[in-house]
Amino acid sequence: MSSAGIGAPTPFDTLGATLSCQCGYGDLCVCPLKEAAMRAYASGSRTPLPAMNSEQRDWCLEEIGSVEGHDRKDHDYSTDQHLARAVLNAWTDYARDKGLY
């Protein structure tokens, strides 16, 4: 995970505050605002989402690159949906590496 920390503000906080977090198979769960936004983009949300701006895409690439075994360059030209999935995958790998998952 990036050096900014779990509670640090992200470019997705405002959007995340407008979304419910969908975990698993349509189940609602509690998650940070950035995770709610990542899950919405990753799922191809039925709610129309704005295209990620350059700040949001850069943040995603930083999150991906901050996890061992993940290379941000592999995602430079990814769609928003694939980029969000890559962030969630990186976070999952990070949690597994730390024994949290």
N, C-alpha and C. Protein backbone atom coordinates (compact mmCIF):
# COMPACT_ATOMS: atom_id res chain seq x y z
N MET A 1 0.84 -1.17 0.00
CA MET A 1 0.00 0.00 0.00
C MET A 1 0.89 1.24 0.00
N SER A 2 0.36 2.30 -0.52
CA SER A 2 1.16 3.51 -0.65
C SER A 2 1.58 4.06 0.70
N SER A 3 2.62 4.87 0.67
CA SER A 3 3.14 5.43 1.91
C SER A 3 2.20 6.46 2.52
N ALA A 4 1.16 6.87 1.77
CA ALA A 4 0.22 7.85 2.29
C ALA A 4 -0.60 7.31 3.45
N GLY A 5 -0.71 6.02 3.56
CA GLY A 5 -1.43 5.42 4.68
C GLY A 5 -2.89 5.17 4.39
N ILE A 6 -3.49 4.36 5.23
CA ILE A 6 -4.86 3.91 5.03
C ILE A 6 -5.85 5.06 5.18
N GLY A 7 -5.65 5.94 6.14
CA GLY A 7 -6.62 7.00 6.40
C GLY A 7 -6.37 8.30 5.64
N ALA A 8 -5.31 8.33 4.84
CA ALA A 8 -4.98 9.56 4.11
C ALA A 8 -6.04 9.86 3.05
N PRO A 9 -6.31 11.13 2.80
CA PRO A 9 -7.29 11.49 1.75
C PRO A 9 -6.83 10.99 0.38
N THR A 10 -7.80 10.64 -0.43
CA THR A 10 -7.50 10.16 -1.79
C THR A 10 -8.36 10.94 -2.79
N PRO A 11 -8.02 10.86 -4.08
CA PRO A 11 -8.84 11.54 -5.08
C PRO A 11 -10.20 10.86 -5.30
N PHE A 12 -10.49 9.80 -4.56
CA PHE A 12 -11.75 9.07 -4.72
C PHE A 12 -12.71 9.28 -3.56
N ASP A 13 -12.31 10.03 -2.55
CA ASP A 13 -13.14 10.16 -1.34
C ASP A 13 -14.51 10.78 -1.61
N THR A 14 -14.56 11.83 -2.40
CA THR A 14 -15.84 12.49 -2.68
C THR A 14 -16.77 11.55 -3.42
N LEU A 15 -16.26 10.88 -4.44
CA LEU A 15 -17.08 9.91 -5.18
C LEU A 15 -17.48 8.75 -4.28
N GLY A 16 -16.54 8.22 -3.52
CA GLY A 16 -16.82 7.08 -2.65
C GLY A 16 -17.90 7.36 -1.63
N ALA A 17 -18.01 8.62 -1.21
CA ALA A 17 -19.03 8.99 -0.23
C ALA A 17 -20.44 8.89 -0.81
N THR A 18 -20.56 8.86 -2.12
CA THR A 18 -21.88 8.78 -2.76
C THR A 18 -22.27 7.36 -3.11
N LEU A 19 -21.38 6.40 -2.84
CA LEU A 19 -21.61 5.01 -3.26
C LEU A 19 -21.75 4.09 -2.05
N SER A 20 -22.53 3.04 -2.20
CA SER A 20 -22.53 1.99 -1.18
C SER A 20 -21.47 0.98 -1.60
N CYS A 21 -20.88 0.33 -0.64
CA CYS A 21 -19.80 -0.60 -0.94
C CYS A 21 -20.39 -1.98 -1.24
N GLN A 22 -20.10 -2.48 -2.41
CA GLN A 22 -20.57 -3.81 -2.83
C GLN A 22 -19.43 -4.81 -2.68
N CYS A 23 -19.55 -5.72 -1.75
CA CYS A 23 -18.54 -6.75 -1.54
C CYS A 23 -19.12 -8.10 -1.96
N GLY A 24 -18.33 -8.90 -2.58
CA GLY A 24 -18.79 -10.23 -2.95
C GLY A 24 -19.85 -10.20 -4.02
N TYR A 25 -20.92 -10.91 -3.80
CA TYR A 25 -21.96 -11.10 -4.81
C TYR A 25 -23.16 -10.20 -4.54
N GLY A 26 -22.92 -8.89 -4.57
CA GLY A 26 -24.00 -7.95 -4.38
C GLY A 26 -24.31 -7.63 -2.93
N ASP A 27 -23.55 -8.23 -2.01
CA ASP A 27 -23.76 -7.95 -0.59
C ASP A 27 -23.20 -6.58 -0.25
N LEU A 28 -23.90 -5.84 0.58
CA LEU A 28 -23.39 -4.57 1.05
C LEU A 28 -22.45 -4.81 2.22
N CYS A 29 -21.40 -3.99 2.31
CA CYS A 29 -20.46 -4.12 3.41
C CYS A 29 -19.94 -2.74 3.77
N VAL A 30 -19.15 -2.67 4.79
CA VAL A 30 -18.56 -1.41 5.21
C VAL A 30 -17.12 -1.39 4.70
N CYS A 31 -16.75 -0.32 4.02
CA CYS A 31 -15.38 -0.19 3.54
C CYS A 31 -15.03 1.28 3.41
N PRO A 32 -13.73 1.58 3.34
CA PRO A 32 -13.31 2.98 3.17
C PRO A 32 -13.85 3.56 1.86
N LEU A 33 -13.92 4.88 1.79
CA LEU A 33 -14.45 5.55 0.61
C LEU A 33 -13.71 5.17 -0.66
N LYS A 34 -12.38 5.08 -0.58
CA LYS A 34 -11.60 4.72 -1.77
C LYS A 34 -11.93 3.31 -2.23
N GLU A 35 -12.19 2.41 -1.30
CA GLU A 35 -12.54 1.05 -1.68
C GLU A 35 -13.93 0.99 -2.30
N ALA A 36 -14.86 1.77 -1.79
CA ALA A 36 -16.20 1.82 -2.39
C ALA A 36 -16.10 2.27 -3.84
N ALA A 37 -15.27 3.28 -4.09
CA ALA A 37 -15.10 3.75 -5.47
C ALA A 37 -14.43 2.69 -6.33
N MET A 38 -13.38 2.03 -5.82
CA MET A 38 -12.69 1.00 -6.60
C MET A 38 -13.63 -0.15 -6.94
N ARG A 39 -14.44 -0.55 -5.96
CA ARG A 39 -15.38 -1.65 -6.21
C ARG A 39 -16.44 -1.25 -7.23
N ALA A 40 -16.87 -0.01 -7.20
CA ALA A 40 -17.87 0.45 -8.18
C ALA A 40 -17.28 0.45 -9.59
N TYR A 41 -16.08 0.98 -9.74
CA TYR A 41 -15.44 0.97 -11.06
C TYR A 41 -15.16 -0.46 -11.51
N ALA A 42 -14.65 -1.30 -10.61
CA ALA A 42 -14.28 -2.66 -10.95
C ALA A 42 -15.49 -3.50 -11.39
N SER A 43 -16.63 -3.23 -10.80
CA SER A 43 -17.82 -4.04 -11.09
C SER A 43 -18.54 -3.60 -12.36
N GLY A 44 -18.11 -2.47 -12.92
CA GLY A 44 -18.86 -1.95 -14.05
C GLY A 44 -20.22 -1.48 -13.55
N SER A 45 -20.20 -0.78 -12.46
CA SER A 45 -21.40 -0.32 -11.75
C SER A 45 -22.53 0.08 -12.68
N ARG A 46 -23.74 -0.25 -12.25
CA ARG A 46 -24.93 0.17 -13.02
C ARG A 46 -25.14 1.67 -12.93
N THR A 47 -24.60 2.26 -11.86
CA THR A 47 -24.65 3.71 -11.72
C THR A 47 -23.56 4.29 -12.61
N PRO A 48 -23.92 5.17 -13.52
CA PRO A 48 -22.88 5.74 -14.39
C PRO A 48 -21.82 6.47 -13.57
N LEU A 49 -20.58 6.12 -13.79
CA LEU A 49 -19.48 6.75 -13.08
C LEU A 49 -18.73 7.65 -14.05
N PRO A 50 -18.19 8.75 -13.55
CA PRO A 50 -17.39 9.60 -14.43
C PRO A 50 -16.08 8.89 -14.78
N ALA A 51 -15.54 9.21 -15.92
CA ALA A 51 -14.23 8.66 -16.28
C ALA A 51 -13.22 9.14 -15.25
N MET A 52 -12.27 8.29 -14.91
CA MET A 52 -11.22 8.69 -13.97
C MET A 52 -10.41 9.82 -14.60
N ASN A 53 -10.07 10.80 -13.78
CA ASN A 53 -9.20 11.88 -14.27
C ASN A 53 -7.74 11.46 -14.08
N SER A 54 -6.83 12.28 -14.54
CA SER A 54 -5.41 11.90 -14.48
C SER A 54 -4.92 11.75 -13.04
N GLU A 55 -5.41 12.57 -12.12
CA GLU A 55 -5.02 12.44 -10.71
C GLU A 55 -5.49 11.10 -10.14
N GLN A 56 -6.70 10.71 -10.46
CA GLN A 56 -7.23 9.43 -9.98
C GLN A 56 -6.47 8.25 -10.60
N ARG A 57 -6.20 8.32 -11.89
CA ARG A 57 -5.45 7.24 -12.54
C ARG A 57 -4.04 7.14 -11.96
N ASP A 58 -3.38 8.27 -11.73
CA ASP A 58 -2.05 8.26 -11.14
C ASP A 58 -2.08 7.65 -9.74
N TRP A 59 -3.12 8.00 -8.96
CA TRP A 59 -3.25 7.43 -7.62
C TRP A 59 -3.38 5.91 -7.71
N CYS A 60 -4.20 5.44 -8.63
CA CYS A 60 -4.37 3.99 -8.80
C CYS A 60 -3.04 3.33 -9.16
N LEU A 61 -2.32 3.92 -10.09
CA LEU A 61 -1.04 3.36 -10.51
C LEU A 61 -0.03 3.35 -9.36
N GLU A 62 -0.06 4.38 -8.51
CA GLU A 62 0.80 4.40 -7.33
C GLU A 62 0.43 3.27 -6.36
N GLU A 63 -0.86 3.07 -6.15
CA GLU A 63 -1.31 1.98 -5.27
C GLU A 63 -0.84 0.63 -5.80
N ILE A 64 -0.99 0.42 -7.09
CA ILE A 64 -0.56 -0.83 -7.71
C ILE A 64 0.93 -1.01 -7.55
N GLY A 65 1.69 0.02 -7.89
CA GLY A 65 3.15 -0.07 -7.85
C GLY A 65 3.74 -0.18 -6.46
N SER A 66 2.97 0.16 -5.44
CA SER A 66 3.48 0.11 -4.07
C SER A 66 3.45 -1.30 -3.48
N VAL A 67 2.85 -2.23 -4.19
CA VAL A 67 2.75 -3.61 -3.69
C VAL A 67 3.74 -4.49 -4.45
N GLU A 68 4.54 -5.21 -3.69
CA GLU A 68 5.56 -6.07 -4.27
C GLU A 68 4.94 -7.05 -5.27
N GLY A 69 5.57 -7.16 -6.43
CA GLY A 69 5.09 -8.08 -7.45
C GLY A 69 4.12 -7.45 -8.43
N HIS A 70 3.76 -6.20 -8.21
CA HIS A 70 2.84 -5.50 -9.11
C HIS A 70 3.60 -4.34 -9.76
N ASP A 71 3.47 -4.21 -11.06
CA ASP A 71 4.18 -3.16 -11.80
C ASP A 71 3.18 -2.18 -12.41
N ARG A 72 3.28 -0.95 -12.01
CA ARG A 72 2.34 0.07 -12.50
C ARG A 72 2.37 0.20 -14.02
N LYS A 73 3.53 -0.04 -14.64
CA LYS A 73 3.65 0.09 -16.09
C LYS A 73 2.74 -0.89 -16.83
N ASP A 74 2.41 -1.99 -16.19
CA ASP A 74 1.52 -2.98 -16.82
C ASP A 74 0.10 -2.44 -16.98
N HIS A 75 -0.20 -1.32 -16.32
CA HIS A 75 -1.57 -0.82 -16.31
C HIS A 75 -1.71 0.61 -16.85
N ASP A 76 -0.66 1.12 -17.45
CA ASP A 76 -0.69 2.51 -17.95
C ASP A 76 -1.86 2.78 -18.89
N TYR A 77 -2.24 1.80 -19.68
CA TYR A 77 -3.29 2.01 -20.68
C TYR A 77 -4.55 1.21 -20.39
N SER A 78 -4.71 0.78 -19.16
CA SER A 78 -5.89 0.01 -18.78
C SER A 78 -7.13 0.89 -18.78
N THR A 79 -8.28 0.24 -18.99
CA THR A 79 -9.55 0.94 -18.82
C THR A 79 -9.73 1.23 -17.34
N ASP A 80 -10.65 2.12 -17.02
CA ASP A 80 -10.93 2.43 -15.62
C ASP A 80 -11.33 1.17 -14.85
N GLN A 81 -12.14 0.33 -15.48
CA GLN A 81 -12.59 -0.90 -14.83
C GLN A 81 -11.41 -1.82 -14.52
N HIS A 82 -10.54 -2.02 -15.49
CA HIS A 82 -9.39 -2.90 -15.27
C HIS A 82 -8.39 -2.29 -14.29
N LEU A 83 -8.25 -0.99 -14.32
CA LEU A 83 -7.36 -0.32 -13.38
C LEU A 83 -7.86 -0.50 -11.94
N ALA A 84 -9.16 -0.33 -11.74
CA ALA A 84 -9.74 -0.52 -10.40
C ALA A 84 -9.59 -1.97 -9.95
N ARG A 85 -9.79 -2.91 -10.85
CA ARG A 85 -9.59 -4.33 -10.49
C ARG A 85 -8.15 -4.60 -10.09
N ALA A 86 -7.21 -3.96 -10.80
CA ALA A 86 -5.80 -4.15 -10.47
C ALA A 86 -5.48 -3.58 -9.09
N VAL A 87 -6.08 -2.47 -8.72
CA VAL A 87 -5.89 -1.89 -7.38
C VAL A 87 -6.42 -2.87 -6.33
N LEU A 88 -7.63 -3.39 -6.54
CA LEU A 88 -8.20 -4.34 -5.58
C LEU A 88 -7.34 -5.60 -5.48
N ASN A 89 -6.82 -6.07 -6.60
CA ASN A 89 -5.94 -7.25 -6.57
C ASN A 89 -4.66 -6.95 -5.82
N ALA A 90 -4.09 -5.77 -6.03
CA ALA A 90 -2.86 -5.40 -5.31
C ALA A 90 -3.13 -5.32 -3.81
N TRP A 91 -4.25 -4.70 -3.44
CA TRP A 91 -4.58 -4.63 -2.02
C TRP A 91 -4.76 -6.02 -1.41
N THR A 92 -5.40 -6.92 -2.15
CA THR A 92 -5.60 -8.29 -1.66
C THR A 92 -4.25 -8.98 -1.48
N ASP A 93 -3.36 -8.84 -2.45
CA ASP A 93 -2.03 -9.44 -2.32
C ASP A 93 -1.26 -8.86 -1.14
N TYR A 94 -1.37 -7.56 -0.95
CA TYR A 94 -0.72 -6.92 0.20
C TYR A 94 -1.24 -7.52 1.51
N ALA A 95 -2.55 -7.65 1.62
CA ALA A 95 -3.15 -8.21 2.84
C ALA A 95 -2.70 -9.66 3.05
N ARG A 96 -2.66 -10.42 1.99
CA ARG A 96 -2.19 -11.82 2.11
C ARG A 96 -0.73 -11.87 2.56
N ASP A 97 0.12 -11.01 1.96
CA ASP A 97 1.53 -10.99 2.33
C ASP A 97 1.72 -10.65 3.79
N LYS A 98 0.85 -9.83 4.34
CA LYS A 98 0.96 -9.41 5.74
C LYS A 98 0.18 -10.34 6.68
N GLY A 99 -0.41 -11.39 6.13
CA GLY A 99 -1.16 -12.33 6.96
C GLY A 99 -2.49 -11.80 7.44
N LEU A 100 -3.04 -10.81 6.73
CA LEU A 100 -4.29 -10.19 7.15
C LEU A 100 -5.51 -10.76 6.44
N TYR A 101 -5.29 -11.64 5.49
CA TYR A 101 -6.39 -12.14 4.67
C TYR A 101 -6.36 -13.62 4.62
